């Protein structure tokens, strides 16, 4: 489940399966109360609408309990309200309930039940559920592993703009998993996800430019995308950016900067950055090594959360 921003409240009123008069009124009153800062009244109205059968209000209560918004976190209650909304056919509730079953949050873990729910939501065009179903087929969790089916569902989510599905679809094309190898298609889908800010896709696109796969080789572009990934604490982006600084490809050679990025990559968990640190450190003065460590420390203090 993705982090819960409160802008979803406005979108909630546009969800399908709209409730009848009294239910809709209580839900809308709850949203209005929340917007004016009256959280107690908002919760009361949401409960009223949910108890009267509003699938949208039931979904909202499920989200509130799942994320601890306006109420204490309670996975069992989240599952209860998601179930009521899912039984009415609300796709977003089916997706969230599927996630709850896949993780065993407030219910017994059941990957097959999760897949059933993802499939119901995916059939209604819910992009997150299409991605989740594709991931189930990719990993074989709750369903027989089938990479061609994974590609199918990733593609359906990707065309709706789901950036993780776009990145996964790019990887399937790059590696020939469930589909013929196609570097051009891989670069296309990596780019769509990268432009939405997904760090993993940014370093993947950087690697396509670095190696000239699916795009014309362009180290300047590779630096650009590695830098964007590195800024988000992506260790592959950081390590690869260090390599280009060390080699002077796409950017002026700067061994201090290279060492800084290798140090950051190692600190954040890159397995082979240590070898690069050893090589570059031998080419620098002790003073420059200290400088690189200082720069890395300063970056860590300001790192994105």
C-alpha atoms as a PDB file:
ATOM      1  CA  UNK A   1       0.000   0.000   0.000  1.00  0.00           C
ATOM      2  CA  UNK A   2       1.273   3.432  -0.855  1.00  0.00           C
ATOM      3  CA  UNK A   3       1.665   6.209   1.761  1.00  0.00           C
ATOM      4  CA  UNK A   4      -1.628   7.923   2.585  1.00  0.00           C
ATOM      5  CA  UNK A   5      -1.740  11.592   1.547  1.00  0.00           C
ATOM      6  CA  UNK A   6      -4.879  13.440   2.510  1.00  0.00           C
ATOM      7  CA  UNK A   7      -5.543  14.663  -1.024  1.00  0.00           C
ATOM      8  CA  UNK A   8      -7.198  11.268  -1.540  1.00  0.00           C
ATOM      9  CA  UNK A   9     -10.220  12.564   0.406  1.00  0.00           C
ATOM     10  CA  UNK A  10     -11.255  14.789  -2.487  1.00  0.00           C
ATOM     11  CA  UNK A  11     -10.792  11.957  -4.955  1.00  0.00           C
ATOM     12  CA  UNK A  12     -12.827   9.666  -2.694  1.00  0.00           C
ATOM     13  CA  UNK A  13     -16.075  11.385  -3.675  1.00  0.00           C
ATOM     14  CA  UNK A  14     -15.381  10.533  -7.303  1.00  0.00           C
ATOM     15  CA  UNK A  15     -15.066   6.788  -6.654  1.00  0.00           C
ATOM     16  CA  UNK A  16     -17.510   4.467  -8.318  1.00  0.00           C
ATOM     17  CA  UNK A  17     -20.330   2.621  -6.576  1.00  0.00           C
ATOM     18  CA  UNK A  18     -21.640   5.860  -5.057  1.00  0.00           C
ATOM     19  CA  UNK A  19     -23.874   5.411  -2.069  1.00  0.00           C
ATOM     20  CA  UNK A  20     -27.483   6.486  -1.818  1.00  0.00           C
ATOM     21  CA  UNK A  21     -28.719   9.759  -0.375  1.00  0.00           C
ATOM     22  CA  UNK A  22     -28.225   9.485   3.381  1.00  0.00           C
ATOM     23  CA  UNK A  23     -24.963   7.581   3.020  1.00  0.00           C
ATOM     24  CA  UNK A  24     -23.540  10.052   0.522  1.00  0.00           C
ATOM     25  CA  UNK A  25     -24.634  12.959   2.711  1.00  0.00           C
ATOM     26  CA  UNK A  26     -22.886  11.609   5.793  1.00  0.00           C
ATOM     27  CA  UNK A  27     -19.714  10.925   3.826  1.00  0.00           C
ATOM     28  CA  UNK A  28     -19.693  14.382   2.271  1.00  0.00           C
ATOM     29  CA  UNK A  29     -20.378  15.926   5.683  1.00  0.00           C
ATOM     30  CA  UNK A  30     -17.383  14.009   7.041  1.00  0.00           C
ATOM     31  CA  UNK A  31     -15.105  15.296   4.304  1.00  0.00           C
ATOM     32  CA  UNK A  32     -16.342  18.845   4.914  1.00  0.00           C
ATOM     33  CA  UNK A  33     -15.726  18.474   8.647  1.00  0.00           C
ATOM     34  CA  UNK A  34     -12.217  17.207   8.034  1.00  0.00           C
ATOM     35  CA  UNK A  35     -11.434  20.105   5.717  1.00  0.00           C
ATOM     36  CA  UNK A  36     -12.454  22.619   8.369  1.00  0.00           C
ATOM     37  CA  UNK A  37     -10.347  20.819  10.974  1.00  0.00           C
ATOM     38  CA  UNK A  38     -13.132  19.137  12.943  1.00  0.00           C
ATOM     39  CA  UNK A  39     -11.645  15.646  13.030  1.00  0.00           C
ATOM     40  CA  UNK A  40     -14.008  14.249  15.689  1.00  0.00           C
ATOM     41  CA  UNK A  41     -17.085  15.133  13.631  1.00  0.00           C
ATOM     42  CA  UNK A  42     -15.402  13.823  10.494  1.00  0.00           C
ATOM     43  CA  UNK A  43     -14.805  10.405  12.057  1.00  0.00           C
ATOM     44  CA  UNK A  44     -18.379  10.275  13.384  1.00  0.00           C
ATOM     45  CA  UNK A  45     -19.777  11.018   9.935  1.00  0.00           C
ATOM     46  CA  UNK A  46     -17.476   8.504   8.240  1.00  0.00           C
ATOM     47  CA  UNK A  47     -18.604   5.815  10.697  1.00  0.00           C
ATOM     48  CA  UNK A  48     -22.249   6.685  10.121  1.00  0.00           C
ATOM     49  CA  UNK A  49     -21.922   6.459   6.346  1.00  0.00           C
ATOM     50  CA  UNK A  50     -19.983   3.205   6.593  1.00  0.00           C
ATOM     51  CA  UNK A  51     -22.514   1.655   8.978  1.00  0.00           C
ATOM     52  CA  UNK A  52     -25.305   2.617   6.591  1.00  0.00           C
ATOM     53  CA  UNK A  53     -23.569   0.716   3.808  1.00  0.00           C
ATOM     54  CA  UNK A  54     -21.522   3.283   1.890  1.00  0.00           C
ATOM     55  CA  UNK A  55     -18.714   1.330   0.206  1.00  0.00           C
ATOM     56  CA  UNK A  56     -16.681   4.506  -0.162  1.00  0.00           C
ATOM     57  CA  UNK A  57     -16.961   5.286   3.548  1.00  0.00           C
ATOM     58  CA  UNK A  58     -16.109   1.675   4.424  1.00  0.00           C
ATOM     59  CA  UNK A  59     -13.012   1.940   2.224  1.00  0.00           C
ATOM     60  CA  UNK A  60     -12.082   5.226   3.875  1.00  0.00           C
ATOM     61  CA  UNK A  61     -12.392   3.746   7.369  1.00  0.00           C
ATOM     62  CA  UNK A  62     -10.226   0.844   6.236  1.00  0.00           C
ATOM     63  CA  UNK A  63      -7.567   3.281   5.075  1.00  0.00           C
ATOM     64  CA  UNK A  64      -7.800   5.233   8.324  1.00  0.00           C
ATOM     65  CA  UNK A  65      -7.271   2.112  10.434  1.00  0.00           C
ATOM     66  CA  UNK A  66      -4.548   0.770   8.137  1.00  0.00           C
ATOM     67  CA  UNK A  67      -2.519   3.980   8.337  1.00  0.00           C
ATOM     68  CA  UNK A  68      -3.495   5.322  11.762  1.00  0.00           C
ATOM     69  CA  UNK A  69      -5.113   8.476  10.379  1.00  0.00           C
ATOM     70  CA  UNK A  70      -7.631  10.073  12.786  1.00  0.00           C
ATOM     71  CA  UNK A  71      -7.836   6.706  14.625  1.00  0.00           C
ATOM     72  CA  UNK A  72      -5.354   4.297  16.184  1.00  0.00           C
ATOM     73  CA  UNK A  73      -3.821   1.822  13.751  1.00  0.00           C
ATOM     74  CA  UNK A  74      -5.759  -1.445  13.851  1.00  0.00           C
ATOM     75  CA  UNK A  75      -5.150  -3.937  11.050  1.00  0.00           C
ATOM     76  CA  UNK A  76      -8.047  -6.182  12.047  1.00  0.00           C
ATOM     77  CA  UNK A  77     -10.499  -3.274  11.823  1.00  0.00           C
ATOM     78  CA  UNK A  78      -8.931  -2.188   8.546  1.00  0.00           C
ATOM     79  CA  UNK A  79      -9.506  -5.680   7.163  1.00  0.00           C
ATOM     80  CA  UNK A  80     -13.109  -5.609   8.407  1.00  0.00           C
ATOM     81  CA  UNK A  81     -13.984  -2.374   6.634  1.00  0.00           C
ATOM     82  CA  UNK A  82     -12.072  -3.231   3.474  1.00  0.00           C
ATOM     83  CA  UNK A  83     -13.961  -6.539   3.347  1.00  0.00           C
ATOM     84  CA  UNK A  84     -17.332  -4.816   3.534  1.00  0.00           C
ATOM     85  CA  UNK A  85     -16.380  -2.405   0.749  1.00  0.00           C
ATOM     86  CA  UNK A  86     -14.750  -5.131  -1.353  1.00  0.00           C
ATOM     87  CA  UNK A  87     -17.870  -7.289  -1.083  1.00  0.00           C
ATOM     88  CA  UNK A  88     -19.765  -4.411  -2.684  1.00  0.00           C
ATOM     89  CA  UNK A  89     -17.343  -4.476  -5.599  1.00  0.00           C
ATOM     90  CA  UNK A  90     -15.256  -1.405  -4.802  1.00  0.00           C
ATOM     91  CA  UNK A  91     -12.014  -1.977  -6.708  1.00  0.00           C
ATOM     92  CA  UNK A  92      -9.749   0.094  -4.461  1.00  0.00           C
ATOM     93  CA  UNK A  93     -10.969  -1.817  -1.414  1.00  0.00           C
ATOM     94  CA  UNK A  94     -10.356  -5.121  -3.202  1.00  0.00           C
ATOM     95  CA  UNK A  95      -6.783  -4.046  -3.928  1.00  0.00           C
ATOM     96  CA  UNK A  96      -6.119  -2.962  -0.345  1.00  0.00           C
ATOM     97  CA  UNK A  97      -7.708  -6.100   1.077  1.00  0.00           C
ATOM     98  CA  UNK A  98      -5.572  -8.177  -1.267  1.00  0.00           C
ATOM     99  CA  UNK A  99      -2.480  -6.484   0.111  1.00  0.00           C
ATOM    100  CA  UNK A 100      -3.633  -7.179   3.670  1.00  0.00           C
ATOM    101  CA  UNK A 101      -4.010 -10.884   2.878  1.00  0.00           C
ATOM    102  CA  UNK A 102      -0.641 -10.997   1.111  1.00  0.00           C
ATOM    103  CA  UNK A 103       1.069  -9.572   4.206  1.00  0.00           C
ATOM    104  CA  UNK A 104      -1.079 -11.201   6.895  1.00  0.00           C
ATOM    105  CA  UNK A 105      -2.072  -7.868   8.441  1.00  0.00           C
ATOM    106  CA  UNK A 106      -4.978  -8.452  10.814  1.00  0.00           C
ATOM    107  CA  UNK A 107      -5.857 -11.654   8.946  1.00  0.00           C
ATOM    108  CA  UNK A 108      -4.154 -14.973   8.311  1.00  0.00           C
ATOM    109  CA  UNK A 109      -1.712 -14.641   5.427  1.00  0.00           C
ATOM    110  CA  UNK A 110      -3.280 -16.059   2.261  1.00  0.00           C
ATOM    111  CA  UNK A 111      -1.574 -15.379  -1.062  1.00  0.00           C
ATOM    112  CA  UNK A 112      -4.272 -17.173  -3.043  1.00  0.00           C
ATOM    113  CA  UNK A 113      -6.978 -14.998  -1.498  1.00  0.00           C
ATOM    114  CA  UNK A 114      -4.852 -11.945  -2.271  1.00  0.00           C
ATOM    115  CA  UNK A 115      -4.625 -12.951  -5.928  1.00  0.00           C
ATOM    116  CA  UNK A 116      -8.386 -13.474  -6.105  1.00  0.00           C
ATOM    117  CA  UNK A 117      -8.939  -9.957  -4.809  1.00  0.00           C
ATOM    118  CA  UNK A 118      -6.304  -8.420  -7.071  1.00  0.00           C
ATOM    119  CA  UNK A 119      -7.964 -10.115 -10.030  1.00  0.00           C
ATOM    120  CA  UNK A 120     -11.384  -8.684  -9.156  1.00  0.00           C
ATOM    121  CA  UNK A 121      -9.969  -5.163  -8.881  1.00  0.00           C
ATOM    122  CA  UNK A 122      -7.735  -5.541 -11.932  1.00  0.00           C
ATOM    123  CA  UNK A 123     -10.716  -6.577 -14.041  1.00  0.00           C
ATOM    124  CA  UNK A 124     -12.269  -3.222 -13.153  1.00  0.00           C
ATOM    125  CA  UNK A 125      -9.191  -1.412 -14.424  1.00  0.00           C
ATOM    126  CA  UNK A 126      -7.596  -0.622 -11.052  1.00  0.00           C
ATOM    127  CA  UNK A 127      -3.954   0.036 -12.003  1.00  0.00           C
ATOM    128  CA  UNK A 128      -2.429  -0.822  -8.628  1.00  0.00           C
ATOM    129  CA  UNK A 129      -4.251  -4.149  -8.631  1.00  0.00           C
ATOM    130  CA  UNK A 130      -3.075  -4.860 -12.170  1.00  0.00           C
ATOM    131  CA  UNK A 131       0.479  -4.280 -10.996  1.00  0.00           C
ATOM    132  CA  UNK A 132      -0.058  -6.446  -7.918  1.00  0.00           C
ATOM    133  CA  UNK A 133      -1.472  -9.253 -10.055  1.00  0.00           C
ATOM    134  CA  UNK A 134       1.464  -8.965 -12.431  1.00  0.00           C
ATOM    135  CA  UNK A 135       3.867  -9.179  -9.493  1.00  0.00           C
ATOM    136  CA  UNK A 136       2.084 -12.284  -8.222  1.00  0.00           C
ATOM    137  CA  UNK A 137       2.521 -13.941 -11.616  1.00  0.00           C
ATOM    138  CA  UNK A 138       6.157 -12.840 -11.736  1.00  0.00           C
ATOM    139  CA  UNK A 139       7.003 -14.294  -8.335  1.00  0.00           C
ATOM    140  CA  UNK A 140       4.593 -17.234  -8.286  1.00  0.00           C
ATOM    141  CA  UNK A 141       3.032 -16.153  -4.993  1.00  0.00           C
ATOM    142  CA  UNK A 142      -0.593 -17.267  -4.780  1.00  0.00           C
ATOM    143  CA  UNK A 143      -0.652 -18.360  -8.407  1.00  0.00           C
ATOM    144  CA  UNK A 144       1.495 -20.446 -10.747  1.00  0.00           C
ATOM    145  CA  UNK A 145       4.476 -18.428 -11.967  1.00  0.00           C
ATOM    146  CA  UNK A 146       3.809 -17.136 -15.481  1.00  0.00           C
ATOM    147  CA  UNK A 147       6.030 -14.381 -16.814  1.00  0.00           C
ATOM    148  CA  UNK A 148       3.910 -13.811 -19.921  1.00  0.00           C
ATOM    149  CA  UNK A 149       0.906 -13.127 -17.673  1.00  0.00           C
ATOM    150  CA  UNK A 150       3.091 -10.852 -15.557  1.00  0.00           C
ATOM    151  CA  UNK A 151       3.987  -8.838 -18.650  1.00  0.00           C
ATOM    152  CA  UNK A 152       0.311  -8.606 -19.612  1.00  0.00           C
ATOM    153  CA  UNK A 153      -0.738  -7.148 -16.272  1.00  0.00           C
ATOM    154  CA  UNK A 154       2.304  -4.896 -15.920  1.00  0.00           C
ATOM    155  CA  UNK A 155       1.499  -3.483 -19.363  1.00  0.00           C
ATOM    156  CA  UNK A 156      -2.115  -2.746 -18.429  1.00  0.00           C
ATOM    157  CA  UNK A 157      -0.984  -0.897 -15.296  1.00  0.00           C
ATOM    158  CA  UNK A 158       1.881   0.823 -17.113  1.00  0.00           C
ATOM    159  CA  UNK A 159      -0.330   2.430 -19.755  1.00  0.00           C
ATOM    160  CA  UNK A 160      -2.368   3.913 -16.895  1.00  0.00           C
ATOM    161  CA  UNK A 161       0.790   5.548 -15.548  1.00  0.00           C
ATOM    162  CA  UNK A 162       1.731   3.214 -12.691  1.00  0.00           C
ATOM    163  CA  UNK A 163       5.442   3.965 -12.444  1.00  0.00           C
ATOM    164  CA  UNK A 164       6.464   0.754 -10.678  1.00  0.00           C
ATOM    165  CA  UNK A 165       4.648  -1.280 -13.322  1.00  0.00           C
ATOM    166  CA  UNK A 166       6.417   0.778 -15.993  1.00  0.00           C
ATOM    167  CA  UNK A 167       9.794   0.032 -14.457  1.00  0.00           C
ATOM    168  CA  UNK A 168       8.996  -3.669 -14.083  1.00  0.00           C
ATOM    169  CA  UNK A 169       7.764  -3.842 -17.663  1.00  0.00           C
ATOM    170  CA  UNK A 170      11.020  -2.241 -18.789  1.00  0.00           C
ATOM    171  CA  UNK A 171      12.959  -4.912 -16.891  1.00  0.00           C
ATOM    172  CA  UNK A 172      10.912  -7.684 -18.474  1.00  0.00           C
ATOM    173  CA  UNK A 173      11.733  -6.311 -21.935  1.00  0.00           C
ATOM    174  CA  UNK A 174      15.393  -5.786 -21.099  1.00  0.00           C
ATOM    175  CA  UNK A 175      15.848  -9.304 -19.751  1.00  0.00           C
ATOM    176  CA  UNK A 176      13.500 -11.162 -22.091  1.00  0.00           C
ATOM    177  CA  UNK A 177      11.255 -12.379 -19.285  1.00  0.00           C
ATOM    178  CA  UNK A 178       7.837 -13.344 -20.617  1.00  0.00           C
ATOM    179  CA  UNK A 179       8.494 -11.376 -23.788  1.00  0.00           C
ATOM    180  CA  UNK A 180      11.197 -11.140 -26.461  1.00  0.00           C
ATOM    181  CA  UNK A 181      14.209  -8.988 -25.552  1.00  0.00           C
ATOM    182  CA  UNK A 182      13.557  -5.445 -26.757  1.00  0.00           C
ATOM    183  CA  UNK A 183      15.961  -2.776 -25.486  1.00  0.00           C
ATOM    184  CA  UNK A 184      14.050   0.016 -27.227  1.00  0.00           C
ATOM    185  CA  UNK A 185      10.866  -0.929 -25.395  1.00  0.00           C
ATOM    186  CA  UNK A 186      12.818  -1.325 -22.153  1.00  0.00           C
ATOM    187  CA  UNK A 187      14.279   2.176 -22.450  1.00  0.00           C
ATOM    188  CA  UNK A 188      10.836   3.579 -23.296  1.00  0.00           C
ATOM    189  CA  UNK A 189       9.231   2.200 -20.138  1.00  0.00           C
ATOM    190  CA  UNK A 190      12.195   3.048 -17.931  1.00  0.00           C
ATOM    191  CA  UNK A 191      11.953   6.614 -19.185  1.00  0.00           C
ATOM    192  CA  UNK A 192       8.258   6.901 -18.369  1.00  0.00           C
ATOM    193  CA  UNK A 193       8.871   5.735 -14.821  1.00  0.00           C
ATOM    194  CA  UNK A 194      12.065   7.793 -14.465  1.00  0.00           C
ATOM    195  CA  UNK A 195      10.270  10.955 -15.512  1.00  0.00           C
ATOM    196  CA  UNK A 196       7.800  10.349 -12.695  1.00  0.00           C
ATOM    197  CA  UNK A 197      10.710  10.289 -10.245  1.00  0.00           C
ATOM    198  CA  UNK A 198      11.186   6.561  -9.582  1.00  0.00           C
ATOM    199  CA  UNK A 199      14.829   6.205  -8.551  1.00  0.00           C
ATOM    200  CA  UNK A 200      15.143   2.582  -9.647  1.00  0.00           C
ATOM    201  CA  UNK A 201      13.937   3.511 -13.130  1.00  0.00           C
ATOM    202  CA  UNK A 202      16.283   6.492 -13.216  1.00  0.00           C
ATOM    203  CA  UNK A 203      19.351   4.333 -12.649  1.00  0.00           C
ATOM    204  CA  UNK A 204      17.991   1.765 -15.125  1.00  0.00           C
ATOM    205  CA  UNK A 205      17.606   4.461 -17.787  1.00  0.00           C
ATOM    206  CA  UNK A 206      21.070   5.751 -16.939  1.00  0.00           C
ATOM    207  CA  UNK A 207      22.456   2.274 -17.564  1.00  0.00           C
ATOM    208  CA  UNK A 208      20.728   2.130 -20.964  1.00  0.00           C
ATOM    209  CA  UNK A 209      22.411   5.409 -21.944  1.00  0.00           C
ATOM    210  CA  UNK A 210      25.703   4.281 -20.416  1.00  0.00           C
ATOM    211  CA  UNK A 211      25.769   1.108 -22.492  1.00  0.00           C
ATOM    212  CA  UNK A 212      23.990   2.416 -25.591  1.00  0.00           C
ATOM    213  CA  UNK A 213      21.189  -0.125 -25.291  1.00  0.00           C
ATOM    214  CA  UNK A 214      17.819   0.883 -26.725  1.00  0.00           C
ATOM    215  CA  UNK A 215      19.108   4.448 -27.080  1.00  0.00           C
ATOM    216  CA  UNK A 216      22.194   6.056 -28.591  1.00  0.00           C
ATOM    217  CA  UNK A 217      25.082   5.869 -26.150  1.00  0.00           C
ATOM    218  CA  UNK A 218      25.253   9.169 -24.297  1.00  0.00           C
ATOM    219  CA  UNK A 219      27.297   9.476 -21.132  1.00  0.00           C
ATOM    220  CA  UNK A 220      25.992  12.980 -20.448  1.00  0.00           C
ATOM    221  CA  UNK A 221      22.458  11.571 -20.312  1.00  0.00           C
ATOM    222  CA  UNK A 222      23.710   8.676 -18.201  1.00  0.00           C
ATOM    223  CA  UNK A 223      25.195  11.141 -15.704  1.00  0.00           C
ATOM    224  CA  UNK A 224      21.926  13.064 -15.609  1.00  0.00           C
ATOM    225  CA  UNK A 225      19.835  10.019 -14.736  1.00  0.00           C
ATOM    226  CA  UNK A 226      22.373   8.509 -12.338  1.00  0.00           C
ATOM    227  CA  UNK A 227      22.518  11.867 -10.553  1.00  0.00           C
ATOM    228  CA  UNK A 228      18.740  11.983 -10.163  1.00  0.00           C
ATOM    229  CA  UNK A 229      18.705   8.463  -8.760  1.00  0.00           C
ATOM    230  CA  UNK A 230      21.695   9.186  -6.512  1.00  0.00           C
ATOM    231  CA  UNK A 231      19.958  12.231  -5.064  1.00  0.00           C
ATOM    232  CA  UNK A 232      17.245   9.859  -3.808  1.00  0.00           C
ATOM    233  CA  UNK A 233      19.832   7.673  -2.040  1.00  0.00           C
ATOM    234  CA  UNK A 234      19.707   5.026  -4.771  1.00  0.00           C
ATOM    235  CA  UNK A 235      22.951   3.103  -4.259  1.00  0.00           C
ATOM    236  CA  UNK A 236      23.249   1.858  -7.850  1.00  0.00           C
ATOM    237  CA  UNK A 237      22.857   5.399  -9.124  1.00  0.00           C
ATOM    238  CA  UNK A 238      25.464   6.598  -6.630  1.00  0.00           C
ATOM    239  CA  UNK A 239      27.991   3.899  -7.494  1.00  0.00           C
ATOM    240  CA  UNK A 240      27.532   4.326 -11.243  1.00  0.00           C
ATOM    241  CA  UNK A 241      27.776   8.098 -10.952  1.00  0.00           C
ATOM    242  CA  UNK A 242      31.052   7.584  -9.119  1.00  0.00           C
ATOM    243  CA  UNK A 243      32.316   5.411 -11.978  1.00  0.00           C
ATOM    244  CA  UNK A 244      31.575   8.113 -14.553  1.00  0.00           C
ATOM    245  CA  UNK A 245      33.266  10.765 -12.412  1.00  0.00           C
ATOM    246  CA  UNK A 246      36.257   8.469 -12.038  1.00  0.00           C
ATOM    247  CA  UNK A 247      36.504   7.840 -15.773  1.00  0.00           C
ATOM    248  CA  UNK A 248      35.599  11.364 -16.853  1.00  0.00           C
ATOM    249  CA  UNK A 249      32.727  10.113 -19.021  1.00  0.00           C
ATOM    250  CA  UNK A 250      29.830  12.521 -19.484  1.00  0.00           C
ATOM    251  CA  UNK A 251      31.353  14.802 -16.861  1.00  0.00           C
ATOM    252  CA  UNK A 252      34.770  16.273 -16.094  1.00  0.00           C
ATOM    253  CA  UNK A 253      36.935  13.734 -14.299  1.00  0.00           C
ATOM    254  CA  UNK A 254      36.869  14.357 -10.551  1.00  0.00           C
ATOM    255  CA  UNK A 255      38.268  11.625  -8.336  1.00  0.00           C
ATOM    256  CA  UNK A 256      37.215  13.355  -5.121  1.00  0.00           C
ATOM    257  CA  UNK A 257      33.637  13.442  -6.359  1.00  0.00           C
ATOM    258  CA  UNK A 258      33.934   9.834  -7.509  1.00  0.00           C
ATOM    259  CA  UNK A 259      35.124   8.754  -4.067  1.00  0.00           C
ATOM    260  CA  UNK A 260      32.316  10.705  -2.413  1.00  0.00           C
ATOM    261  CA  UNK A 261      29.693   8.778  -4.361  1.00  0.00           C
ATOM    262  CA  UNK A 262      31.400   5.425  -3.782  1.00  0.00           C
ATOM    263  CA  UNK A 263      31.533   6.156  -0.051  1.00  0.00           C
ATOM    264  CA  UNK A 264      27.841   7.016  -0.026  1.00  0.00           C
ATOM    265  CA  UNK A 265      26.939   3.905  -1.998  1.00  0.00           C
ATOM    266  CA  UNK A 266      28.849   1.703   0.442  1.00  0.00           C
ATOM    267  CA  UNK A 267      27.357   3.449   3.456  1.00  0.00           C
ATOM    268  CA  UNK A 268      23.853   2.870   2.103  1.00  0.00           C
ATOM    269  CA  UNK A 269      24.447  -0.783   1.257  1.00  0.00           C
ATOM    270  CA  UNK A 270      26.024  -1.216  -2.197  1.00  0.00           C
ATOM    271  CA  UNK A 271      27.914  -4.514  -2.099  1.00  0.00           C
ATOM    272  CA  UNK A 272      30.783  -3.745  -4.498  1.00  0.00           C
ATOM    273  CA  UNK A 273      31.349  -0.033  -3.862  1.00  0.00           C
ATOM    274  CA  UNK A 274      34.160  -0.970  -1.483  1.00  0.00           C
ATOM    275  CA  UNK A 275      36.327  -2.185  -4.359  1.00  0.00           C
ATOM    276  CA  UNK A 276      35.877   1.140  -6.130  1.00  0.00           C
ATOM    277  CA  UNK A 277      36.758   3.004  -2.936  1.00  0.00           C
ATOM    278  CA  UNK A 278      40.005   1.062  -2.652  1.00  0.00           C
ATOM    279  CA  UNK A 279      40.992   1.782  -6.266  1.00  0.00           C
ATOM    280  CA  UNK A 280      40.220   5.511  -6.195  1.00  0.00           C
ATOM    281  CA  UNK A 281      41.705   6.087  -2.740  1.00  0.00           C
ATOM    282  CA  UNK A 282      45.089   4.901  -3.999  1.00  0.00           C
ATOM    283  CA  UNK A 283      45.004   7.643  -6.647  1.00  0.00           C
ATOM    284  CA  UNK A 284      44.287  10.459  -4.200  1.00  0.00           C
ATOM    285  CA  UNK A 285      46.314  12.271  -1.578  1.00  0.00           C
ATOM    286  CA  UNK A 286      45.331  11.695   2.060  1.00  0.00           C
ATOM    287  CA  UNK A 287      43.989  15.230   2.116  1.00  0.00           C
ATOM    288  CA  UNK A 288      41.722  14.544  -0.852  1.00  0.00           C
ATOM    289  CA  UNK A 289      40.462  11.344   0.755  1.00  0.00           C
ATOM    290  CA  UNK A 290      39.517  13.343   3.854  1.00  0.00           C
ATOM    291  CA  UNK A 291      37.807  15.910   1.643  1.00  0.00           C
ATOM    292  CA  UNK A 292      35.756  13.218  -0.089  1.00  0.00           C
ATOM    293  CA  UNK A 293      34.749  11.747   3.271  1.00  0.00           C
ATOM    294  CA  UNK A 294      33.706  15.190   4.478  1.00  0.00           C
ATOM    295  CA  UNK A 295      31.573  15.732   1.371  1.00  0.00           C
ATOM    296  CA  UNK A 296      29.954  12.327   1.845  1.00  0.00           C
ATOM    297  CA  UNK A 297      29.240  13.085   5.494  1.00  0.00           C
ATOM    298  CA  UNK A 298      27.687  16.424   4.569  1.00  0.00           C
ATOM    299  CA  UNK A 299      25.464  14.728   1.993  1.00  0.00           C
ATOM    300  CA  UNK A 300      24.311  12.135   4.517  1.00  0.00           C
ATOM    301  CA  UNK A 301      23.331  14.853   6.974  1.00  0.00           C
ATOM    302  CA  UNK A 302      21.064  16.348   4.307  1.00  0.00           C
ATOM    303  CA  UNK A 303      19.952  13.058   2.746  1.00  0.00           C
ATOM    304  CA  UNK A 304      16.324  12.663   1.687  1.00  0.00           C
ATOM    305  CA  UNK A 305      14.147  10.708   4.081  1.00  0.00           C
END
